[in-house]
Amino acid sequence: MLRKVLAFITFAIILSWQTVIAQDVQKEENKKLQLTPYGFVKGDMFYVTDGVYSFANPNNDYILAPQFASGSGQSAISFTGQHTRFGLKSTVGNKVKVGGLLEIDFFGGPADANTKIRLRQGYASIATGGFEARFGQQWDLFSPNIPNTVNTNGNMWYNGNMGFRRGQIQLSYKWNLEKINPMLQIAFAEGAQESIGLGKDNISGQPMIQARLSGKFDDKYTVGVYYVNAAFKEKYTPAIPPNDHFKFNTTGFGVDFNLPFDKYFSLVGEINSGTNLANANIFSAAGNFFYFGTSDQTRIDFDRKNTGFWLNASSNVSEMFQVVLGYGMDKNTSKKFITGNIQSNSTFYADLIFPIKHQFSITLEIGNISTKIVESINNDHKVDKTKTNNATVIALSGKVAF
């Protein structure tokens, strides 16, 4: 109920704010938004020493977006151009600024990039003073930083990086002070992906709420704290005999930081933790699972908990050579498990980047994925035995930005 009240209050603020903007708009000439292209063209080669898969589904054996090690022992190599990205963005106006952004890529799993145009971001925005409102699909406030990796569609998801893109109304306010620039952001967003019809995520009738409070110090260093909450009511199918529909919440919080000390050393990363994050399409290796009672086979759902962390350390050694070291992990801290659950997932990698000329660069990335899987449990659903799978990933990328 509180989430609904907050949402309606926010919408009322937007409507009242519209009157203030309208007064300023009358004083300013109407202009048409002219979008400017940006993006990059990118070709990649990936080689894996052992089996890998993506997006918590062993059937997604995408060599070009490795996130988990499957333990299959099968090496593979693949080439693609599907990580190429194209966008259009611009703003127009002075006192009242109107903007728009449209961004696509060609990711679709298998190596070819034919007929796989995919909307990454698409939103309209309006801003005045320190206030801005965005309507459309954009990045989560929860886990907002982006790792620097060749694996742009693996993106260290399920390895500590958890935020994704979703439809939302996002409001923000930024204060310009002398030594620090605080910013408050809040979003009312889509809770998860629909399954069939209306979608099991929507029958709760409540939006996901995300919030982030951050500060930029000395116009250089950024530190933020973020939070997410969503309510769900999962509707059972007739094939599963429930006592009632399962109601549960997704909650999570974390800290993000971006610390560019100088060109030779900078750090960016996040620390986060949550409950039932995977239910909200937030990329946690703790997953989304249940088990059946031994006596009457009644479906039993329970909370899944996790803790994640990731870090990038970068150095611009020279104009012709850059180095990135990355590490990330996500640990399943749930009280109960079932066989096949991921107990922990981690990755580390090293990038050697060679900028050539005119925004063209070549990158060699070498890394390792380690996935610990529950092999057996006791009668209390505690872990008895685990197995750890490893896969080395080697990537070579050529990219030109524009």
Protein backbone atom coordinates (compact mmCIF):
# COMPACT_ATOMS: atom_id res chain seq x y z
CA MET A 1 0.00 0.00 0.00
CA LEU A 2 2.83 2.39 0.88
CA ARG A 3 4.42 1.85 -2.54
CA LYS A 4 1.18 2.80 -4.28
CA VAL A 5 0.82 5.95 -2.16
CA LEU A 6 4.40 7.00 -2.94
CA ALA A 7 3.81 6.42 -6.64
CA PHE A 8 0.65 8.54 -6.73
CA ILE A 9 2.33 11.32 -4.71
CA THR A 10 5.19 11.35 -7.20
CA PHE A 11 2.83 11.56 -10.16
CA ALA A 12 1.04 14.47 -8.47
CA ILE A 13 4.38 16.26 -8.07
CA ILE A 14 5.07 15.74 -11.78
CA LEU A 15 1.72 17.24 -12.74
CA SER A 16 2.21 20.27 -10.49
CA TRP A 17 5.74 20.70 -11.80
CA GLN A 18 4.30 20.75 -15.32
CA THR A 19 2.59 24.08 -14.58
CA VAL A 20 5.88 25.66 -13.52
CA ILE A 21 7.61 24.41 -16.65
CA ALA A 22 4.82 25.66 -18.88
CA GLN A 23 5.40 29.21 -17.66
CA ASP A 24 9.08 28.99 -18.62
CA VAL A 25 8.34 27.30 -21.96
CA GLN A 26 6.23 30.26 -23.05
CA LYS A 27 9.31 32.48 -22.66
CA GLU A 28 11.56 30.18 -24.71
CA GLU A 29 11.44 29.51 -28.43
CA ASN A 30 10.26 26.04 -29.47
CA LYS A 31 13.06 24.00 -31.02
CA LYS A 32 13.16 20.57 -32.61
CA LEU A 33 15.34 17.88 -31.07
CA GLN A 34 18.29 17.00 -33.31
CA LEU A 35 19.71 13.61 -32.35
CA THR A 36 23.48 13.02 -32.60
CA PRO A 37 24.84 9.53 -33.33
CA TYR A 38 27.28 7.75 -31.02
CA GLY A 39 28.50 4.22 -30.41
CA PHE A 40 31.11 1.81 -31.69
CA VAL A 41 31.69 -0.95 -34.22
CA LYS A 42 33.28 -3.99 -32.59
CA GLY A 43 34.50 -7.39 -33.68
CA ASP A 44 35.35 -10.11 -31.14
CA MET A 45 36.94 -13.53 -30.97
CA PHE A 46 36.29 -15.66 -27.87
CA TYR A 47 38.03 -18.91 -26.94
CA VAL A 48 37.00 -20.94 -23.88
CA THR A 49 38.92 -23.91 -22.50
CA ASP A 50 35.81 -25.48 -20.92
CA GLY A 51 32.06 -25.23 -21.22
CA VAL A 52 30.35 -21.94 -20.33
CA TYR A 53 26.80 -20.63 -20.24
CA SER A 54 24.94 -17.34 -19.82
CA PHE A 55 22.04 -15.76 -17.92
CA ALA A 56 21.72 -18.59 -15.34
CA ASN A 57 20.47 -21.04 -17.98
CA PRO A 58 22.75 -23.99 -18.94
CA ASN A 59 20.97 -24.15 -22.30
CA ASN A 60 22.35 -20.69 -23.13
CA ASP A 61 25.84 -21.91 -24.04
CA TYR A 62 26.80 -18.51 -25.45
CA ILE A 63 30.58 -18.49 -25.93
CA LEU A 64 30.33 -14.75 -26.66
CA ALA A 65 28.82 -13.82 -23.28
CA PRO A 66 30.31 -16.28 -20.76
CA GLN A 67 29.13 -15.89 -17.16
CA PHE A 68 29.17 -19.41 -15.64
CA ALA A 69 31.42 -22.47 -16.02
CA SER A 70 29.39 -25.59 -16.83
CA GLY A 71 32.06 -28.25 -16.23
CA SER A 72 31.43 -29.91 -19.60
CA GLY A 73 35.16 -29.98 -20.44
CA GLN A 74 34.46 -28.84 -24.01
CA SER A 75 36.63 -26.08 -25.48
CA ALA A 76 35.23 -23.80 -28.19
CA ILE A 77 36.01 -20.74 -30.30
CA SER A 78 33.71 -18.19 -31.91
CA PHE A 79 33.77 -14.90 -33.81
CA THR A 80 31.13 -12.17 -33.93
CA GLY A 81 30.26 -8.56 -34.63
CA GLN A 82 27.09 -8.61 -32.55
CA HIS A 83 28.50 -6.47 -29.72
CA THR A 84 28.43 -3.46 -32.05
CA ARG A 85 26.38 -0.63 -30.55
CA PHE A 86 24.60 2.38 -32.06
CA GLY A 87 22.79 5.25 -30.36
CA LEU A 88 21.20 8.64 -30.92
CA LYS A 89 21.06 11.30 -28.22
CA SER A 90 20.66 15.04 -27.77
CA THR A 91 19.15 17.80 -25.66
CA VAL A 92 17.59 21.09 -26.70
CA GLY A 93 16.65 24.21 -24.76
CA ASN A 94 18.26 26.44 -22.16
CA LYS A 95 16.22 26.96 -19.00
CA VAL A 96 14.00 24.00 -19.84
CA LYS A 97 15.99 21.18 -21.45
CA VAL A 98 14.26 18.42 -23.39
CA GLY A 99 16.21 15.33 -24.36
CA GLY A 100 15.98 11.93 -25.91
CA LEU A 101 18.12 8.83 -26.19
CA LEU A 102 17.76 5.73 -28.36
CA GLU A 103 20.34 2.93 -28.22
CA ILE A 104 20.42 -0.47 -29.93
CA ASP A 105 22.77 -3.41 -30.31
CA PHE A 106 22.68 -6.78 -32.07
CA PHE A 107 23.14 -9.28 -29.26
CA GLY A 108 21.21 -12.52 -29.47
CA GLY A 109 23.30 -15.39 -28.14
CA PRO A 110 24.67 -17.34 -31.15
CA ALA A 111 27.58 -15.78 -33.02
CA ASP A 112 25.81 -14.34 -36.05
CA ALA A 113 24.21 -10.92 -35.70
CA ASN A 114 21.49 -11.23 -38.35
CA THR A 115 18.02 -9.80 -37.56
CA LYS A 116 18.89 -9.31 -33.90
CA ILE A 117 18.36 -5.60 -33.43
CA ARG A 118 17.61 -5.07 -29.75
CA LEU A 119 16.55 -1.96 -27.85
CA ARG A 120 19.03 -1.25 -25.06
CA GLN A 121 17.83 2.17 -23.97
CA GLY A 122 15.05 4.44 -25.15
CA TYR A 123 13.76 7.32 -23.08
CA ALA A 124 12.54 10.91 -23.25
CA SER A 125 13.67 13.44 -20.65
CA ILE A 126 12.87 16.93 -19.45
CA ALA A 127 14.93 18.98 -17.00
CA THR A 128 15.02 22.39 -15.38
CA GLY A 129 17.44 23.57 -12.72
CA GLY A 130 18.65 20.52 -10.83
CA PHE A 131 15.54 18.46 -11.54
CA GLU A 132 15.20 15.87 -14.32
CA ALA A 133 12.50 13.35 -15.27
CA ARG A 134 13.07 10.43 -17.63
CA PHE A 135 10.38 8.21 -19.15
CA GLY A 136 11.28 4.93 -20.89
CA GLN A 137 13.80 2.11 -20.74
CA GLN A 138 17.11 2.85 -19.03
CA TRP A 139 19.66 1.45 -16.59
CA ASP A 140 18.72 0.45 -13.05
CA LEU A 141 19.65 2.68 -10.13
CA PHE A 142 20.44 -0.56 -8.30
CA SER A 143 24.05 -1.53 -9.16
CA PRO A 144 24.58 1.36 -11.62
CA ASN A 145 28.28 1.07 -12.52
CA ILE A 146 29.53 -0.67 -15.67
CA PRO A 147 32.66 -2.88 -15.66
CA ASN A 148 35.35 -2.30 -18.28
CA THR A 149 35.50 -5.65 -20.08
CA VAL A 150 35.56 -7.04 -23.63
CA ASN A 151 32.70 -9.29 -22.52
CA THR A 152 30.17 -6.46 -22.91
CA ASN A 153 27.09 -8.69 -22.88
CA GLY A 154 28.37 -10.87 -20.05
CA ASN A 155 29.20 -7.67 -18.19
CA MET A 156 30.16 -9.42 -14.92
CA TRP A 157 26.47 -10.14 -14.32
CA TYR A 158 26.02 -12.94 -11.76
CA ASN A 159 29.53 -12.01 -10.62
CA GLY A 160 28.69 -9.01 -8.42
CA ASN A 161 27.32 -6.67 -11.08
CA MET A 162 23.51 -6.99 -10.89
CA GLY A 163 21.69 -4.02 -12.39
CA PHE A 164 20.05 -4.23 -15.82
CA ARG A 165 17.84 -2.06 -18.03
CA ARG A 166 14.05 -1.82 -17.65
CA GLY A 167 11.07 0.43 -18.34
CA GLN A 168 10.70 3.07 -15.65
CA ILE A 169 9.89 6.62 -14.66
CA GLN A 170 13.05 8.02 -13.11
CA LEU A 171 13.22 11.31 -11.20
CA SER A 172 16.41 12.97 -10.00
CA TYR A 173 17.58 16.16 -8.34
CA LYS A 174 21.17 17.40 -8.25
CA TRP A 175 22.55 20.07 -5.94
CA ASN A 176 25.59 22.11 -7.02
CA LEU A 177 27.54 22.90 -3.86
CA GLU A 178 31.10 24.10 -3.43
CA LYS A 179 32.98 20.84 -2.84
CA ILE A 180 30.32 18.18 -3.31
CA ASN A 181 27.47 17.66 -5.76
CA PRO A 182 24.81 15.45 -4.10
CA MET A 183 22.18 13.75 -6.25
CA LEU A 184 18.98 11.96 -5.25
CA GLN A 185 17.37 9.56 -7.74
CA ILE A 186 14.16 7.55 -7.47
CA ALA A 187 12.54 5.25 -10.02
CA PHE A 188 9.17 3.55 -10.38
CA ALA A 189 9.89 0.58 -12.60
CA GLU A 190 8.82 -2.69 -14.17
CA GLY A 191 9.25 -5.49 -11.64
CA ALA A 192 10.30 -8.39 -13.87
CA GLN A 193 9.74 -10.04 -17.21
CA GLU A 194 6.25 -11.29 -18.00
CA SER A 195 5.81 -15.01 -18.48
CA ILE A 196 2.32 -15.58 -19.92
CA GLY A 197 -0.46 -13.07 -20.48
CA LEU A 198 -0.52 -10.28 -17.90
CA GLY A 199 2.57 -11.70 -16.24
CA LYS A 200 3.11 -13.13 -12.78
CA ASP A 201 5.07 -10.02 -11.82
CA ASN A 202 2.21 -7.61 -12.51
CA ILE A 203 -0.55 -9.24 -10.48
CA SER A 204 0.84 -7.63 -7.32
CA GLY A 205 -0.33 -4.31 -8.81
CA GLN A 206 2.68 -2.45 -7.43
CA PRO A 207 5.73 -0.96 -9.17
CA MET A 208 9.30 -1.73 -8.29
CA ILE A 209 10.90 1.16 -6.39
CA GLN A 210 14.58 1.94 -6.74
CA ALA A 211 16.46 4.81 -5.09
CA ARG A 212 20.04 6.07 -5.05
CA LEU A 213 21.77 8.84 -3.10
CA SER A 214 25.20 9.81 -4.38
CA GLY A 215 27.78 12.54 -4.08
CA LYS A 216 30.48 13.74 -6.46
CA PHE A 217 33.47 15.13 -4.59
CA ASP A 218 35.88 17.70 -6.07
CA ASP A 219 34.07 17.19 -9.39
CA LYS A 220 35.92 13.87 -9.67
CA TYR A 221 35.15 11.13 -7.13
CA THR A 222 31.67 9.58 -6.92
CA VAL A 223 30.26 7.43 -4.11
CA GLY A 224 26.64 6.29 -3.91
CA VAL A 225 24.26 4.09 -1.92
CA TYR A 226 21.29 2.38 -3.58
CA TYR A 227 18.18 0.41 -2.69
CA VAL A 228 15.47 -1.66 -4.38
CA ASN A 229 12.10 -3.00 -3.25
CA ALA A 230 9.42 -4.86 -5.18
CA ALA A 231 6.34 -6.89 -4.22
CA PHE A 232 5.35 -10.06 -6.06
CA LYS A 233 2.46 -12.48 -6.04
CA GLU A 234 3.34 -15.57 -8.02
CA LYS A 235 0.35 -17.31 -9.56
CA TYR A 236 0.61 -21.07 -9.56
CA THR A 237 -0.42 -23.19 -12.54
CA PRO A 238 -3.00 -25.98 -12.11
CA ALA A 239 -0.19 -28.54 -12.46
CA ILE A 240 1.32 -27.36 -9.16
CA PRO A 241 -0.95 -27.88 -6.12
CA PRO A 242 -0.51 -24.84 -3.86
CA ASN A 243 -2.20 -23.89 -0.65
CA ASP A 244 -2.25 -20.28 -1.84
CA HIS A 245 -0.46 -17.95 -4.23
CA PHE A 246 3.06 -17.27 -3.00
CA LYS A 247 3.60 -13.65 -1.94
CA PHE A 248 7.09 -12.33 -1.39
CA ASN A 249 9.28 -9.22 -1.62
CA THR A 250 12.50 -8.36 -3.38
CA THR A 251 14.78 -6.12 -1.36
CA GLY A 252 18.39 -5.11 -1.84
CA PHE A 253 20.94 -2.45 -1.04
CA GLY A 254 24.52 -1.61 -1.97
CA VAL A 255 27.35 0.88 -2.34
CA ASP A 256 28.95 2.02 -5.60
CA PHE A 257 32.14 4.00 -6.12
CA ASN A 258 34.12 5.56 -8.97
CA LEU A 259 37.54 6.83 -7.86
CA PRO A 260 39.77 8.12 -10.69
CA PHE A 261 42.81 9.04 -8.56
CA ASP A 262 44.91 9.87 -11.63
CA LYS A 263 45.49 8.53 -15.14
CA TYR A 264 47.77 5.81 -13.78
CA PHE A 265 45.34 4.41 -11.23
CA SER A 266 41.55 4.42 -10.91
CA LEU A 267 39.05 2.17 -9.13
CA VAL A 268 35.40 1.51 -9.91
CA GLY A 269 33.15 -1.11 -8.34
CA GLU A 270 30.22 -2.08 -6.12
CA ILE A 271 29.28 -4.03 -3.00
CA ASN A 272 25.68 -5.26 -2.72
CA SER A 273 23.34 -7.70 -1.03
CA GLY A 274 19.71 -8.68 -1.41
CA THR A 275 16.80 -11.08 -1.11
CA ASN A 276 14.93 -12.60 -4.08
CA LEU A 277 16.77 -10.33 -6.53
CA ALA A 278 16.53 -12.84 -9.38
CA ASN A 279 12.72 -12.66 -9.18
CA ALA A 280 12.99 -8.99 -10.12
CA ASN A 281 15.22 -9.64 -13.16
CA ILE A 282 18.25 -8.43 -11.20
CA PHE A 283 21.19 -10.67 -12.06
CA SER A 284 21.98 -12.64 -8.91
CA ALA A 285 23.62 -16.06 -9.00
CA ALA A 286 21.49 -17.04 -5.98
CA GLY A 287 18.82 -17.79 -8.55
CA ASN A 288 15.11 -18.36 -8.38
CA PHE A 289 14.08 -21.79 -7.09
CA PHE A 290 11.73 -23.85 -4.92
CA TYR A 291 11.27 -27.47 -3.85
CA PHE A 292 8.40 -29.90 -3.28
CA GLY A 293 7.42 -31.31 0.10
CA THR A 294 8.32 -34.97 0.57
CA SER A 295 4.92 -36.05 1.93
CA ASP A 296 2.30 -34.34 -0.24
CA GLN A 297 4.52 -32.81 -2.96
CA THR A 298 3.26 -29.32 -2.11
CA ARG A 299 5.42 -26.63 -3.66
CA ILE A 300 7.51 -24.84 -1.03
CA ASP A 301 8.99 -21.43 -1.83
CA PHE A 302 11.52 -19.63 0.32
CA ASP A 303 13.71 -16.54 0.24
CA ARG A 304 16.95 -16.58 -1.75
CA LYS A 305 19.71 -14.33 -0.39
CA ASN A 306 23.04 -13.26 -1.83
CA THR A 307 26.03 -10.97 -1.39
CA GLY A 308 28.07 -9.61 -4.31
CA PHE A 309 31.16 -7.56 -5.00
CA TRP A 310 33.10 -6.43 -8.07
CA LEU A 311 36.07 -4.17 -8.74
CA ASN A 312 37.96 -2.73 -11.72
CA ALA A 313 41.45 -1.28 -11.38
CA SER A 314 42.60 0.65 -14.46
CA SER A 315 45.80 2.35 -15.55
CA ASN A 316 46.51 4.52 -18.60
CA VAL A 317 50.18 3.60 -18.76
CA SER A 318 50.69 5.66 -21.92
CA GLU A 319 48.74 6.96 -24.90
CA MET A 320 49.39 3.63 -26.61
CA PHE A 321 48.87 1.21 -23.72
CA GLN A 322 46.24 0.69 -21.00
CA VAL A 323 45.73 -2.06 -18.41
CA VAL A 324 42.54 -3.21 -16.63
CA LEU A 325 42.32 -5.79 -13.84
CA GLY A 326 38.86 -6.99 -12.83
CA TYR A 327 37.38 -9.29 -10.20
CA GLY A 328 33.80 -10.08 -9.23
CA MET A 329 31.90 -12.61 -7.11
CA ASP A 330 28.34 -13.44 -6.07
CA LYS A 331 27.76 -15.73 -3.09
CA ASN A 332 24.48 -17.50 -2.40
CA THR A 333 23.78 -16.98 1.32
CA SER A 334 20.34 -18.64 1.36
CA LYS A 335 19.38 -20.81 4.33
CA LYS A 336 18.15 -23.63 2.09
CA PHE A 337 19.40 -25.15 -1.15
CA ILE A 338 18.40 -27.71 -3.73
CA THR A 339 20.69 -29.88 -5.82
CA GLY A 340 22.05 -27.94 -8.78
CA ASN A 341 21.94 -24.52 -7.10
CA ILE A 342 24.85 -22.14 -7.57
CA GLN A 343 26.55 -21.66 -4.20
CA SER A 344 29.00 -19.08 -5.55
CA ASN A 345 30.21 -17.66 -8.85
CA SER A 346 33.30 -15.58 -9.48
CA THR A 347 35.47 -14.26 -12.29
CA PHE A 348 38.72 -12.40 -12.71
CA TYR A 349 40.33 -11.01 -15.86
CA ALA A 350 43.13 -8.84 -17.19
CA ASP A 351 42.87 -6.53 -20.21
CA LEU A 352 45.74 -5.23 -22.31
CA ILE A 353 44.39 -2.34 -24.39
CA PHE A 354 46.28 -0.84 -27.32
CA PRO A 355 44.76 2.42 -28.67
CA ILE A 356 46.01 2.84 -32.25
CA LYS A 357 44.63 5.99 -33.89
CA HIS A 358 41.33 7.75 -34.70
CA GLN A 359 39.43 5.98 -31.85
CA PHE A 360 40.50 2.52 -33.02
CA SER A 361 41.83 0.08 -30.39
CA ILE A 362 42.73 -3.58 -29.98
CA THR A 363 42.17 -5.40 -26.67
CA LEU A 364 43.40 -8.76 -25.42
CA GLU A 365 41.49 -10.12 -22.41
CA ILE A 366 42.41 -13.24 -20.41
CA GLY A 367 40.23 -14.40 -17.54
CA ASN A 368 38.81 -17.28 -15.55
CA ILE A 369 35.29 -18.19 -14.39
CA SER A 370 34.80 -20.34 -11.28
CA THR A 371 31.32 -21.73 -10.53
CA LYS A 372 30.59 -23.75 -7.37
CA ILE A 373 27.50 -25.98 -7.71
CA VAL A 374 25.59 -27.86 -5.01
CA GLU A 375 25.88 -31.60 -5.68
CA SER A 376 24.00 -32.94 -2.66
CA ILE A 377 21.99 -31.70 0.34
CA ASN A 378 20.79 -33.15 3.65
CA ASN A 379 17.21 -33.49 4.89
CA ASP A 380 17.22 -29.87 6.09
CA HIS A 381 18.22 -28.62 2.63
CA LYS A 382 21.68 -27.68 3.85
CA VAL A 383 24.67 -28.22 1.55
CA ASP A 384 26.46 -31.57 1.90
CA LYS A 385 28.73 -31.56 -1.14
CA THR A 386 29.75 -29.09 -3.84
CA LYS A 387 31.62 -29.21 -7.14
CA THR A 388 33.65 -26.34 -8.60
CA ASN A 389 33.81 -25.82 -12.37
CA ASN A 390 36.41 -23.60 -14.02
CA ALA A 391 36.79 -22.15 -17.49
CA THR A 392 39.53 -19.94 -18.90
CA VAL A 393 38.28 -17.29 -21.33
CA ILE A 394 40.52 -15.58 -23.91
CA ALA A 395 39.10 -12.71 -25.97
CA LEU A 396 40.57 -10.57 -28.75
CA SER A 397 38.65 -7.45 -29.78
CA GLY A 398 39.01 -4.69 -32.34
CA LYS A 399 36.84 -1.60 -31.87
CA VAL A 400 36.36 1.82 -33.40
CA ALA A 401 34.26 4.39 -31.51
CA PHE A 402 32.36 7.33 -32.97
